[in-house]
Amino acid sequence: MKRIPALLALLAMLTSFTGCSATTGNTGANAGPRFLPPSQAPWHMLISRWQERVDDMCLQYLDLPLIRDFQQRIAREGWSNEMVVELLVEGQKMTRATMEIEDQWDTPQEFAAKNFEGDCEDIAIFMLATLRTLGYPHQARVLAAKTMFADHALLKVEMPDNSWQVFETTRAITPKARLAYTPIVEFDEKRIIFAGT
């Protein structure tokens, strides 16, 4: 009998979340209330908390040798699919994937201060910030997906040729990652886009 009140409280908590607008990513009057499935509700809370901690300057200012090198190359050659892949490969080489007992999503500056060590979300956010700092003119966002064993964060990028590619964060990057993952949510510093909306 004690389980019923607990289940009702959990159901009330899950149904109290408001939905997200695919254009603003914020909950509010223009988004309207929407039920979030249990797999998406925890992500909504984590992403909203992270979005409150970051702003445009946080994602658009990384002062690293990698950034300075690529700024010069992009000024000379412009963006190409190959340039994006090379940038993300070089950026990922700077990182070290570690398991976190308490999941705290770092800002890119916090991640750099921790010697570029963190979990998949930290690496994906760092890769996103690298593109933002370089003024990448196409869309890029973090993609959270369900794997056979756990949830995982990747980077989803609209390439210069207007195709979309998904990039690994904790294993070797390949230009066309063939992933057997089920998408849960995509997000950046302003938007939250849930699968199926």
N, C-alpha and C. Protein backbone atom coordinates (compact mmCIF):
# COMPACT_ATOMS: atom_id res chain seq x y z
N MET A 1 0.81 -1.21 0.00
CA MET A 1 0.00 0.00 0.00
C MET A 1 0.85 1.26 0.00
N LYS A 2 2.04 1.21 0.62
CA LYS A 2 2.88 2.39 0.68
C LYS A 2 3.39 2.79 -0.69
N ARG A 3 3.42 1.86 -1.62
CA ARG A 3 3.94 2.16 -2.95
C ARG A 3 3.02 3.07 -3.74
N ILE A 4 1.71 2.99 -3.51
CA ILE A 4 0.76 3.76 -4.30
C ILE A 4 0.96 5.26 -4.12
N PRO A 5 1.07 5.81 -2.88
CA PRO A 5 1.33 7.25 -2.75
C PRO A 5 2.65 7.66 -3.41
N ALA A 6 3.67 6.83 -3.28
CA ALA A 6 4.96 7.16 -3.89
C ALA A 6 4.84 7.20 -5.41
N LEU A 7 4.13 6.23 -5.98
CA LEU A 7 3.93 6.22 -7.42
C LEU A 7 3.10 7.41 -7.88
N LEU A 8 2.07 7.77 -7.11
CA LEU A 8 1.26 8.93 -7.46
C LEU A 8 2.08 10.21 -7.39
N ALA A 9 2.95 10.33 -6.38
CA ALA A 9 3.81 11.52 -6.26
C ALA A 9 4.75 11.60 -7.45
N LEU A 10 5.33 10.46 -7.85
CA LEU A 10 6.23 10.44 -9.00
C LEU A 10 5.48 10.82 -10.27
N LEU A 11 4.28 10.29 -10.46
CA LEU A 11 3.48 10.62 -11.63
C LEU A 11 3.13 12.11 -11.65
N ALA A 12 2.79 12.66 -10.50
CA ALA A 12 2.47 14.09 -10.42
C ALA A 12 3.68 14.94 -10.77
N MET A 13 4.87 14.50 -10.30
CA MET A 13 6.09 15.24 -10.59
C MET A 13 6.39 15.23 -12.08
N LEU A 14 6.27 14.06 -12.71
CA LEU A 14 6.57 13.94 -14.13
C LEU A 14 5.59 14.72 -14.99
N THR A 15 4.33 14.73 -14.62
CA THR A 15 3.34 15.43 -15.44
C THR A 15 3.34 16.92 -15.18
N SER A 16 4.06 17.39 -14.15
CA SER A 16 4.08 18.82 -13.87
C SER A 16 5.07 19.56 -14.74
N PHE A 17 5.97 18.84 -15.42
CA PHE A 17 6.91 19.51 -16.30
C PHE A 17 6.17 20.14 -17.47
N THR A 18 6.60 21.35 -17.86
CA THR A 18 6.03 21.96 -19.05
C THR A 18 6.87 21.56 -20.24
N GLY A 19 6.30 21.67 -21.40
CA GLY A 19 6.99 21.26 -22.62
C GLY A 19 7.99 22.29 -23.08
N CYS A 20 8.67 21.97 -24.16
CA CYS A 20 9.71 22.85 -24.68
C CYS A 20 9.36 23.27 -26.09
N SER A 21 9.67 24.50 -26.38
CA SER A 21 9.49 24.99 -27.74
C SER A 21 10.74 24.66 -28.54
N ALA A 22 10.58 24.13 -29.71
CA ALA A 22 11.74 23.78 -30.53
C ALA A 22 12.48 25.02 -31.00
N THR A 23 11.85 26.18 -30.94
CA THR A 23 12.53 27.38 -31.40
C THR A 23 13.24 28.10 -30.27
N THR A 24 12.67 28.12 -29.07
CA THR A 24 13.31 28.84 -27.98
C THR A 24 13.96 27.91 -26.98
N GLY A 25 13.45 26.70 -26.86
CA GLY A 25 14.00 25.79 -25.88
C GLY A 25 13.59 26.11 -24.46
N ASN A 26 12.87 27.18 -24.26
CA ASN A 26 12.46 27.56 -22.92
C ASN A 26 11.05 27.10 -22.65
N THR A 27 10.78 26.80 -21.39
CA THR A 27 9.42 26.49 -21.03
C THR A 27 8.70 27.81 -20.87
N GLY A 28 7.42 27.83 -21.17
CA GLY A 28 6.71 29.09 -21.02
C GLY A 28 5.41 29.08 -21.76
N ALA A 29 4.78 30.25 -21.80
CA ALA A 29 3.44 30.36 -22.38
C ALA A 29 3.43 29.98 -23.85
N ASN A 30 4.46 30.36 -24.59
CA ASN A 30 4.44 30.05 -26.02
C ASN A 30 4.69 28.58 -26.30
N ALA A 31 5.26 27.87 -25.33
CA ALA A 31 5.49 26.44 -25.55
C ALA A 31 4.25 25.64 -25.20
N GLY A 32 3.52 26.07 -24.18
CA GLY A 32 2.34 25.34 -23.76
C GLY A 32 2.71 24.11 -22.98
N PRO A 33 1.84 23.66 -22.09
CA PRO A 33 2.16 22.46 -21.30
C PRO A 33 2.19 21.23 -22.18
N ARG A 34 3.14 20.36 -21.90
CA ARG A 34 3.26 19.14 -22.67
C ARG A 34 3.84 18.07 -21.78
N PHE A 35 3.31 16.88 -21.83
CA PHE A 35 3.82 15.78 -21.03
C PHE A 35 5.17 15.33 -21.58
N LEU A 36 6.15 15.20 -20.69
CA LEU A 36 7.44 14.67 -21.08
C LEU A 36 7.54 13.23 -20.60
N PRO A 37 7.85 12.29 -21.48
CA PRO A 37 8.00 10.91 -21.05
C PRO A 37 9.10 10.80 -19.99
N PRO A 38 9.05 9.77 -19.17
CA PRO A 38 10.05 9.62 -18.11
C PRO A 38 11.49 9.67 -18.60
N SER A 39 11.76 9.21 -19.82
CA SER A 39 13.15 9.24 -20.32
C SER A 39 13.61 10.65 -20.63
N GLN A 40 12.66 11.59 -20.84
CA GLN A 40 13.05 12.95 -21.21
C GLN A 40 13.01 13.93 -20.04
N ALA A 41 12.16 13.69 -19.05
CA ALA A 41 12.01 14.64 -17.95
C ALA A 41 13.32 14.93 -17.22
N PRO A 42 14.14 13.93 -16.87
CA PRO A 42 15.40 14.25 -16.18
C PRO A 42 16.33 15.09 -17.06
N TRP A 43 16.33 14.83 -18.37
CA TRP A 43 17.17 15.61 -19.27
C TRP A 43 16.72 17.07 -19.28
N HIS A 44 15.41 17.29 -19.26
CA HIS A 44 14.90 18.65 -19.27
C HIS A 44 15.44 19.44 -18.07
N MET A 45 15.45 18.82 -16.90
CA MET A 45 15.96 19.49 -15.70
C MET A 45 17.46 19.78 -15.83
N LEU A 46 18.24 18.79 -16.27
CA LEU A 46 19.69 18.96 -16.40
C LEU A 46 20.04 20.05 -17.42
N ILE A 47 19.38 20.00 -18.56
CA ILE A 47 19.67 20.98 -19.62
C ILE A 47 19.27 22.38 -19.17
N SER A 48 18.10 22.51 -18.56
CA SER A 48 17.65 23.83 -18.11
C SER A 48 18.63 24.42 -17.10
N ARG A 49 19.10 23.59 -16.16
CA ARG A 49 20.08 24.08 -15.19
C ARG A 49 21.36 24.52 -15.89
N TRP A 50 21.82 23.73 -16.86
CA TRP A 50 23.05 24.09 -17.59
C TRP A 50 22.84 25.37 -18.39
N GLN A 51 21.70 25.52 -19.06
CA GLN A 51 21.44 26.72 -19.85
C GLN A 51 21.43 27.97 -18.98
N GLU A 52 21.01 27.84 -17.74
CA GLU A 52 21.03 28.99 -16.83
C GLU A 52 22.45 29.41 -16.48
N ARG A 53 23.40 28.48 -16.56
CA ARG A 53 24.80 28.78 -16.19
C ARG A 53 25.64 29.31 -17.34
N VAL A 54 25.18 29.13 -18.57
CA VAL A 54 25.99 29.56 -19.72
C VAL A 54 25.33 30.73 -20.42
N ASP A 55 26.14 31.49 -21.11
CA ASP A 55 25.62 32.55 -21.97
C ASP A 55 26.44 32.54 -23.25
N ASP A 56 26.15 33.47 -24.15
CA ASP A 56 26.85 33.48 -25.43
C ASP A 56 28.36 33.63 -25.25
N MET A 57 28.78 34.51 -24.33
CA MET A 57 30.21 34.72 -24.12
C MET A 57 30.89 33.45 -23.61
N CYS A 58 30.19 32.70 -22.79
CA CYS A 58 30.73 31.48 -22.21
C CYS A 58 31.05 30.46 -23.31
N LEU A 59 30.19 30.40 -24.32
CA LEU A 59 30.40 29.43 -25.40
C LEU A 59 31.20 30.01 -26.56
N GLN A 60 31.35 31.32 -26.61
CA GLN A 60 31.99 31.92 -27.78
C GLN A 60 33.37 32.48 -27.49
N TYR A 61 33.92 32.19 -26.33
CA TYR A 61 35.26 32.69 -26.06
C TYR A 61 36.11 31.63 -25.40
N LEU A 62 36.87 30.93 -26.21
CA LEU A 62 37.88 30.00 -25.73
C LEU A 62 39.21 30.46 -26.29
N ASP A 63 40.15 30.76 -25.42
CA ASP A 63 41.46 31.23 -25.86
C ASP A 63 42.44 30.07 -25.76
N LEU A 64 42.55 29.32 -26.86
CA LEU A 64 43.41 28.14 -26.90
C LEU A 64 44.26 28.18 -28.16
N PRO A 65 45.46 27.60 -28.12
CA PRO A 65 46.27 27.53 -29.34
C PRO A 65 45.52 26.88 -30.51
N LEU A 66 44.73 25.85 -30.21
CA LEU A 66 43.94 25.19 -31.26
C LEU A 66 43.03 26.20 -31.96
N ILE A 67 42.37 27.06 -31.20
CA ILE A 67 41.46 28.06 -31.77
C ILE A 67 42.24 29.04 -32.63
N ARG A 68 43.37 29.53 -32.12
CA ARG A 68 44.17 30.50 -32.89
C ARG A 68 44.66 29.90 -34.20
N ASP A 69 45.11 28.64 -34.16
CA ASP A 69 45.58 27.97 -35.39
C ASP A 69 44.46 27.88 -36.43
N PHE A 70 43.29 27.44 -35.97
CA PHE A 70 42.19 27.27 -36.91
C PHE A 70 41.60 28.60 -37.37
N GLN A 71 41.68 29.65 -36.55
CA GLN A 71 41.21 30.96 -36.99
C GLN A 71 41.96 31.40 -38.24
N GLN A 72 43.27 31.22 -38.21
CA GLN A 72 44.09 31.60 -39.37
C GLN A 72 43.76 30.75 -40.59
N ARG A 73 43.60 29.45 -40.39
CA ARG A 73 43.30 28.57 -41.52
C ARG A 73 41.93 28.88 -42.12
N ILE A 74 40.94 29.11 -41.26
CA ILE A 74 39.59 29.39 -41.75
C ILE A 74 39.58 30.72 -42.50
N ALA A 75 40.33 31.70 -42.02
CA ALA A 75 40.42 32.99 -42.71
C ALA A 75 41.00 32.80 -44.12
N ARG A 76 41.95 31.89 -44.26
CA ARG A 76 42.57 31.63 -45.57
C ARG A 76 41.71 30.73 -46.46
N GLU A 77 41.18 29.65 -45.90
CA GLU A 77 40.57 28.60 -46.71
C GLU A 77 39.05 28.57 -46.65
N GLY A 78 38.45 29.13 -45.60
CA GLY A 78 37.00 29.03 -45.42
C GLY A 78 36.63 27.68 -44.83
N TRP A 79 35.35 27.55 -44.49
CA TRP A 79 34.86 26.30 -43.90
C TRP A 79 34.62 25.25 -44.97
N SER A 80 34.96 24.02 -44.68
CA SER A 80 34.65 22.87 -45.53
C SER A 80 34.33 21.71 -44.60
N ASN A 81 33.72 20.66 -45.16
CA ASN A 81 33.46 19.48 -44.35
C ASN A 81 34.75 18.94 -43.73
N GLU A 82 35.80 18.92 -44.53
CA GLU A 82 37.08 18.40 -44.06
C GLU A 82 37.62 19.25 -42.91
N MET A 83 37.44 20.57 -43.00
CA MET A 83 37.93 21.46 -41.95
C MET A 83 37.18 21.18 -40.63
N VAL A 84 35.87 20.98 -40.70
CA VAL A 84 35.08 20.70 -39.50
C VAL A 84 35.56 19.40 -38.86
N VAL A 85 35.71 18.36 -39.67
CA VAL A 85 36.15 17.06 -39.14
C VAL A 85 37.53 17.20 -38.50
N GLU A 86 38.45 17.87 -39.17
CA GLU A 86 39.80 18.01 -38.64
C GLU A 86 39.78 18.79 -37.32
N LEU A 87 39.00 19.86 -37.26
CA LEU A 87 38.89 20.64 -36.03
C LEU A 87 38.38 19.78 -34.88
N LEU A 88 37.30 19.03 -35.13
CA LEU A 88 36.72 18.22 -34.06
C LEU A 88 37.64 17.08 -33.63
N VAL A 89 38.37 16.50 -34.58
CA VAL A 89 39.35 15.46 -34.24
C VAL A 89 40.45 16.04 -33.36
N GLU A 90 40.98 17.20 -33.76
CA GLU A 90 42.06 17.83 -32.98
C GLU A 90 41.55 18.27 -31.61
N GLY A 91 40.34 18.80 -31.55
CA GLY A 91 39.77 19.20 -30.27
C GLY A 91 39.56 18.01 -29.35
N GLN A 92 39.06 16.92 -29.92
CA GLN A 92 38.82 15.73 -29.10
C GLN A 92 40.12 15.14 -28.56
N LYS A 93 41.20 15.25 -29.33
CA LYS A 93 42.50 14.74 -28.87
C LYS A 93 42.97 15.44 -27.60
N MET A 94 42.49 16.66 -27.37
CA MET A 94 42.87 17.41 -26.17
C MET A 94 42.14 16.90 -24.94
N THR A 95 41.08 16.12 -25.13
CA THR A 95 40.21 15.74 -24.02
C THR A 95 40.55 14.34 -23.50
N ARG A 96 40.10 14.11 -22.28
CA ARG A 96 40.22 12.78 -21.68
C ARG A 96 38.89 12.43 -21.05
N ALA A 97 38.27 11.38 -21.55
CA ALA A 97 36.97 10.96 -21.03
C ALA A 97 37.14 10.25 -19.70
N THR A 98 36.40 10.72 -18.70
CA THR A 98 36.43 10.10 -17.39
C THR A 98 34.99 9.92 -16.90
N MET A 99 34.79 8.96 -16.04
CA MET A 99 33.48 8.76 -15.43
C MET A 99 33.34 9.72 -14.25
N GLU A 100 32.16 10.31 -14.13
CA GLU A 100 31.91 11.21 -13.01
C GLU A 100 30.88 10.57 -12.08
N ILE A 101 31.20 10.52 -10.80
CA ILE A 101 30.26 9.96 -9.83
C ILE A 101 29.06 10.90 -9.68
N GLU A 102 29.35 12.19 -9.50
CA GLU A 102 28.29 13.18 -9.43
C GLU A 102 28.33 13.98 -10.72
N ASP A 103 27.28 13.88 -11.52
CA ASP A 103 27.27 14.48 -12.85
C ASP A 103 27.07 15.99 -12.78
N GLN A 104 28.14 16.72 -13.04
CA GLN A 104 28.10 18.18 -13.08
C GLN A 104 28.54 18.61 -14.48
N TRP A 105 27.64 19.25 -15.22
CA TRP A 105 27.99 19.68 -16.56
C TRP A 105 28.82 20.95 -16.47
N ASP A 106 30.04 20.88 -16.98
CA ASP A 106 30.95 22.01 -16.91
C ASP A 106 30.70 23.00 -18.04
N THR A 107 31.02 24.26 -17.75
CA THR A 107 31.15 25.22 -18.84
C THR A 107 32.46 24.90 -19.54
N PRO A 108 32.66 25.37 -20.76
CA PRO A 108 33.93 25.09 -21.45
C PRO A 108 35.14 25.58 -20.65
N GLN A 109 35.01 26.71 -19.97
CA GLN A 109 36.12 27.23 -19.18
C GLN A 109 36.41 26.33 -17.98
N GLU A 110 35.38 25.82 -17.32
CA GLU A 110 35.57 24.89 -16.21
C GLU A 110 36.22 23.60 -16.70
N PHE A 111 35.78 23.13 -17.87
CA PHE A 111 36.34 21.92 -18.46
C PHE A 111 37.83 22.10 -18.76
N ALA A 112 38.19 23.26 -19.32
CA ALA A 112 39.60 23.54 -19.62
C ALA A 112 40.42 23.60 -18.34
N ALA A 113 39.84 24.20 -17.28
CA ALA A 113 40.56 24.31 -16.00
C ALA A 113 40.78 22.94 -15.37
N LYS A 114 39.97 21.94 -15.75
CA LYS A 114 40.14 20.58 -15.23
C LYS A 114 40.99 19.74 -16.19
N ASN A 115 41.88 20.42 -16.93
CA ASN A 115 42.77 19.74 -17.89
C ASN A 115 42.00 18.95 -18.94
N PHE A 116 40.84 19.47 -19.33
CA PHE A 116 40.02 18.88 -20.39
C PHE A 116 39.60 17.44 -20.05
N GLU A 117 39.36 17.18 -18.79
CA GLU A 117 38.88 15.88 -18.35
C GLU A 117 37.41 15.99 -17.95
N GLY A 118 36.60 15.06 -18.43
CA GLY A 118 35.19 15.06 -18.07
C GLY A 118 34.47 13.94 -18.79
N ASP A 119 33.17 13.92 -18.61
CA ASP A 119 32.39 12.86 -19.26
C ASP A 119 31.90 13.33 -20.63
N CYS A 120 31.05 12.53 -21.24
CA CYS A 120 30.66 12.78 -22.63
C CYS A 120 29.96 14.12 -22.82
N GLU A 121 29.13 14.56 -21.84
CA GLU A 121 28.47 15.85 -21.97
C GLU A 121 29.48 16.99 -21.96
N ASP A 122 30.47 16.90 -21.07
CA ASP A 122 31.49 17.94 -21.00
C ASP A 122 32.27 18.05 -22.30
N ILE A 123 32.60 16.91 -22.89
CA ILE A 123 33.35 16.91 -24.14
C ILE A 123 32.50 17.45 -25.28
N ALA A 124 31.23 17.04 -25.34
CA ALA A 124 30.34 17.54 -26.39
C ALA A 124 30.15 19.05 -26.29
N ILE A 125 29.99 19.55 -25.05
CA ILE A 125 29.83 21.00 -24.85
C ILE A 125 31.11 21.73 -25.23
N PHE A 126 32.26 21.16 -24.91
CA PHE A 126 33.54 21.76 -25.31
C PHE A 126 33.66 21.83 -26.83
N MET A 127 33.28 20.74 -27.51
CA MET A 127 33.35 20.73 -28.98
C MET A 127 32.39 21.76 -29.58
N LEU A 128 31.20 21.89 -28.99
CA LEU A 128 30.24 22.90 -29.43
C LEU A 128 30.83 24.30 -29.25
N ALA A 129 31.45 24.55 -28.09
CA ALA A 129 32.04 25.86 -27.82
C ALA A 129 33.18 26.17 -28.78
N THR A 130 33.93 25.15 -29.18
CA THR A 130 35.03 25.35 -30.13
C THR A 130 34.47 25.87 -31.45
N LEU A 131 33.39 25.26 -31.92
CA LEU A 131 32.76 25.74 -33.16
C LEU A 131 32.21 27.16 -32.98
N ARG A 132 31.55 27.43 -31.85
CA ARG A 132 30.99 28.76 -31.60
C ARG A 132 32.09 29.83 -31.57
N THR A 133 33.19 29.52 -30.88
CA THR A 133 34.29 30.49 -30.77
C THR A 133 34.84 30.86 -32.14
N LEU A 134 34.87 29.89 -33.03
CA LEU A 134 35.39 30.13 -34.39
C LEU A 134 34.35 30.72 -35.32
N GLY A 135 33.17 31.03 -34.81
CA GLY A 135 32.13 31.66 -35.63
C GLY A 135 31.55 30.74 -36.68
N TYR A 136 31.43 29.46 -36.33
CA TYR A 136 30.89 28.50 -37.30
C TYR A 136 29.50 28.95 -37.76
N PRO A 137 29.28 29.07 -39.08
CA PRO A 137 28.03 29.67 -39.56
C PRO A 137 26.83 28.73 -39.68
N HIS A 138 27.00 27.47 -39.29
CA HIS A 138 25.91 26.50 -39.38
C HIS A 138 25.50 26.05 -37.99
N GLN A 139 24.43 25.26 -37.92
CA GLN A 139 23.93 24.80 -36.63
C GLN A 139 24.81 23.69 -36.06
N ALA A 140 24.87 23.67 -34.74
CA ALA A 140 25.55 22.59 -34.02
C ALA A 140 24.89 22.49 -32.66
N ARG A 141 24.73 21.28 -32.17
CA ARG A 141 24.12 21.09 -30.86
C ARG A 141 24.52 19.74 -30.29
N VAL A 142 24.31 19.60 -29.00
CA VAL A 142 24.59 18.35 -28.31
C VAL A 142 23.40 17.42 -28.53
N LEU A 143 23.70 16.17 -28.81
CA LEU A 143 22.67 15.14 -29.00
C LEU A 143 22.82 14.12 -27.88
N ALA A 144 21.78 13.98 -27.08
CA ALA A 144 21.75 12.93 -26.06
C ALA A 144 20.98 11.75 -26.63
N ALA A 145 21.54 10.57 -26.47
CA ALA A 145 20.92 9.38 -27.05
C ALA A 145 21.01 8.22 -26.07
N LYS A 146 20.10 7.31 -26.23
CA LYS A 146 20.07 6.11 -25.39
C LYS A 146 20.84 5.00 -26.10
N THR A 147 21.74 4.37 -25.36
CA THR A 147 22.47 3.23 -25.88
C THR A 147 21.91 1.97 -25.21
N MET A 148 22.50 0.85 -25.51
CA MET A 148 22.05 -0.40 -24.91
C MET A 148 22.27 -0.38 -23.40
N PHE A 149 23.31 0.35 -22.94
CA PHE A 149 23.68 0.29 -21.53
C PHE A 149 23.40 1.57 -20.76
N ALA A 150 23.47 2.74 -21.41
CA ALA A 150 23.32 4.01 -20.69
C ALA A 150 23.03 5.12 -21.70
N ASP A 151 22.74 6.31 -21.19
CA ASP A 151 22.60 7.47 -22.06
C ASP A 151 23.99 7.99 -22.42
N HIS A 152 24.08 8.67 -23.56
CA HIS A 152 25.37 9.12 -24.07
C HIS A 152 25.18 10.45 -24.79
N ALA A 153 26.17 11.34 -24.70
CA ALA A 153 26.12 12.64 -25.38
C ALA A 153 27.10 12.66 -26.54
N LEU A 154 26.62 13.17 -27.67
CA LEU A 154 27.41 13.28 -28.89
C LEU A 154 27.27 14.72 -29.40
N LEU A 155 27.93 15.03 -30.48
CA LEU A 155 27.79 16.34 -31.10
C LEU A 155 27.14 16.16 -32.47
N LYS A 156 26.10 16.94 -32.74
CA LYS A 156 25.41 16.89 -34.02
C LYS A 156 25.68 18.21 -34.74
N VAL A 157 26.19 18.13 -35.96
CA VAL A 157 26.65 19.32 -36.68
C VAL A 157 26.05 19.37 -38.07
N GLU A 158 25.51 20.53 -38.43
CA GLU A 158 25.13 20.78 -39.81
C GLU A 158 26.41 21.17 -40.54
N MET A 159 26.80 20.38 -41.51
CA MET A 159 28.08 20.57 -42.18
C MET A 159 27.98 21.68 -43.23
N PRO A 160 29.12 22.18 -43.70
CA PRO A 160 29.09 23.23 -44.74
C PRO A 160 28.33 22.83 -46.01
N ASP A 161 28.25 21.52 -46.31
CA ASP A 161 27.48 21.10 -47.48
C ASP A 161 26.00 20.89 -47.17
N ASN A 162 25.57 21.35 -45.96
CA ASN A 162 24.18 21.28 -45.48
C ASN A 162 23.72 19.88 -45.06
N SER A 163 24.59 18.89 -45.06
CA SER A 163 24.24 17.58 -44.50
C SER A 163 24.45 17.66 -42.98
N TRP A 164 23.86 16.72 -42.26
CA TRP A 164 24.05 16.64 -40.82
C TRP A 164 24.93 15.44 -40.50
N GLN A 165 25.86 15.61 -39.57
CA GLN A 165 26.70 14.49 -39.14
C GLN A 165 26.74 14.46 -37.61
N VAL A 166 26.83 13.25 -37.08
CA VAL A 166 26.93 13.05 -35.64
C VAL A 166 28.36 12.62 -35.33
N PHE A 167 28.96 13.26 -34.33
CA PHE A 167 30.35 13.00 -33.97
C PHE A 167 30.43 12.42 -32.57
N GLU A 168 31.25 11.39 -32.43
CA GLU A 168 31.50 10.76 -31.15
C GLU A 168 32.25 11.73 -30.24
N THR A 169 32.15 11.51 -28.95
CA THR A 169 32.85 12.36 -28.00
C THR A 169 33.90 11.59 -27.21
N THR A 170 33.70 10.32 -27.00
CA THR A 170 34.61 9.56 -26.13
C THR A 170 35.42 8.50 -26.87
N ARG A 171 35.15 8.31 -28.13
CA ARG A 171 35.94 7.38 -28.93
C ARG A 171 36.40 8.11 -30.19
N ALA A 172 37.18 7.43 -31.01
CA ALA A 172 37.72 8.07 -32.20
C ALA A 172 36.60 8.65 -33.06
N ILE A 173 36.79 9.88 -33.49
CA ILE A 173 35.81 10.54 -34.34
C ILE A 173 35.96 10.03 -35.76
N THR A 174 34.85 9.73 -36.38
CA THR A 174 34.84 9.41 -37.80
C THR A 174 33.91 10.40 -38.48
N PRO A 175 34.18 10.75 -39.73
CA PRO A 175 33.33 11.73 -40.41
C PRO A 175 31.87 11.33 -40.47
N LYS A 176 31.58 10.06 -40.61
CA LYS A 176 30.19 9.61 -40.69
C LYS A 176 29.98 8.54 -39.64
N ALA A 177 29.68 8.96 -38.44
CA ALA A 177 29.46 8.00 -37.36
C ALA A 177 28.17 7.24 -37.61
N ARG A 178 28.24 5.93 -37.67
CA ARG A 178 27.06 5.09 -37.83
C ARG A 178 26.70 4.59 -36.43
N LEU A 179 25.74 5.20 -35.82
CA LEU A 179 25.46 4.95 -34.42
C LEU A 179 24.13 4.24 -34.23
N ALA A 180 24.16 3.19 -33.43
CA ALA A 180 22.93 2.47 -33.12
C ALA A 180 22.35 3.01 -31.83
N TYR A 181 22.15 4.33 -31.79
CA TYR A 181 21.63 5.00 -30.62
C TYR A 181 20.23 5.52 -30.92
N THR A 182 19.41 5.60 -29.87
CA THR A 182 18.07 6.16 -30.00
C THR A 182 18.10 7.59 -29.49
N PRO A 183 17.82 8.60 -30.33
CA PRO A 183 17.88 9.99 -29.88
C PRO A 183 16.86 10.26 -28.77
N ILE A 184 17.30 11.05 -27.78
CA ILE A 184 16.41 11.50 -26.71
C ILE A 184 16.13 12.99 -26.86
N VAL A 185 17.21 13.78 -26.95
CA VAL A 185 17.06 15.23 -26.97
C VAL A 185 18.29 15.86 -27.63
N GLU A 186 18.07 16.99 -28.30
CA GLU A 186 19.16 17.81 -28.82
C GLU A 186 19.05 19.17 -28.13
N PHE A 187 20.20 19.78 -27.84
CA PHE A 187 20.15 21.07 -27.18
C PHE A 187 21.41 21.88 -27.45
N ASP A 188 21.27 23.19 -27.29
CA ASP A 188 22.41 24.09 -27.26
C ASP A 188 22.17 25.05 -26.11
N GLU A 189 22.82 26.21 -26.12
CA GLU A 189 22.68 27.13 -25.00
C GLU A 189 21.32 27.81 -24.93
N LYS A 190 20.51 27.68 -25.99
CA LYS A 190 19.22 28.36 -26.01
C LYS A 190 18.04 27.45 -26.25
N ARG A 191 18.22 26.34 -26.93
CA ARG A 191 17.10 25.52 -27.35
C ARG A 191 17.16 24.13 -26.76
N ILE A 192 15.99 23.51 -26.61
CA ILE A 192 15.87 22.10 -26.26
C ILE A 192 14.90 21.49 -27.27
N ILE A 193 15.33 20.48 -27.96
CA ILE A 193 14.49 19.84 -28.98
C ILE A 193 14.40 18.37 -28.64
N PHE A 194 13.24 17.93 -28.19
CA PHE A 194 13.08 16.53 -27.82
C PHE A 194 12.72 15.70 -29.04
N ALA A 195 13.18 14.47 -29.04
CA ALA A 195 12.84 13.54 -30.13
C ALA A 195 11.34 13.40 -30.19
N GLY A 196 10.80 13.48 -31.39
CA GLY A 196 9.38 13.32 -31.58
C GLY A 196 8.57 14.59 -31.49
N THR A 197 9.27 15.76 -31.22
CA THR A 197 8.51 17.02 -31.20
C THR A 197 8.86 17.79 -32.46
